[in-house]
């Protein structure tokens, strides 16, 4: 997972609400729940 919000910050004044580490955790948990529900 690679991302750089610099352009969005400069262009729109946007700032992320969630830190990168927390986003990675949220995504991993969501993926794990899908695997548990449907399998690989």
Protein backbone atom coordinates (compact mmCIF):
# COMPACT_ATOMS: atom_id res chain seq x y z
CA UNK A 1 0.00 0.00 0.00
CA UNK A 2 1.60 3.21 -1.18
CA UNK A 3 0.06 6.64 -1.07
CA UNK A 4 0.94 10.31 -0.94
CA UNK A 5 -1.76 12.80 0.00
CA UNK A 6 0.44 15.84 -0.71
CA UNK A 7 -1.31 16.76 -3.98
CA UNK A 8 -4.76 16.50 -2.39
CA UNK A 9 -3.57 18.64 0.53
CA UNK A 10 -2.11 21.33 -1.74
CA UNK A 11 -4.96 21.33 -4.27
CA UNK A 12 -8.01 20.94 -2.04
CA UNK A 13 -6.75 21.56 1.49
CA UNK A 14 -7.68 17.95 2.25
CA UNK A 15 -6.20 16.20 5.26
CA UNK A 16 -6.64 12.52 6.11
CA UNK A 17 -8.84 11.66 9.10
CA UNK A 18 -7.14 8.31 9.65
CA UNK A 19 -3.42 7.69 10.03
CA UNK A 20 -1.78 5.32 7.56
CA UNK A 21 -1.18 2.63 10.17
CA UNK A 22 -4.83 2.69 11.23
CA UNK A 23 -5.98 2.54 7.60
CA UNK A 24 -3.80 -0.52 7.00
CA UNK A 25 -5.29 -2.16 10.11
CA UNK A 26 -8.87 -1.39 9.00
CA UNK A 27 -8.19 -2.82 5.55
CA UNK A 28 -6.53 -5.96 6.91
CA UNK A 29 -9.41 -6.65 9.29
CA UNK A 30 -11.96 -6.14 6.49
CA UNK A 31 -10.05 -8.52 4.22
CA UNK A 32 -9.77 -11.12 6.99
CA UNK A 33 -13.53 -10.96 7.61
CA UNK A 34 -14.15 -11.55 3.89
CA UNK A 35 -11.81 -14.56 3.92
CA UNK A 36 -13.56 -16.01 6.97
CA UNK A 37 -16.97 -15.50 5.37
CA UNK A 38 -16.22 -16.71 1.83
CA UNK A 39 -12.91 -18.53 2.06
CA UNK A 40 -9.99 -17.92 -0.26
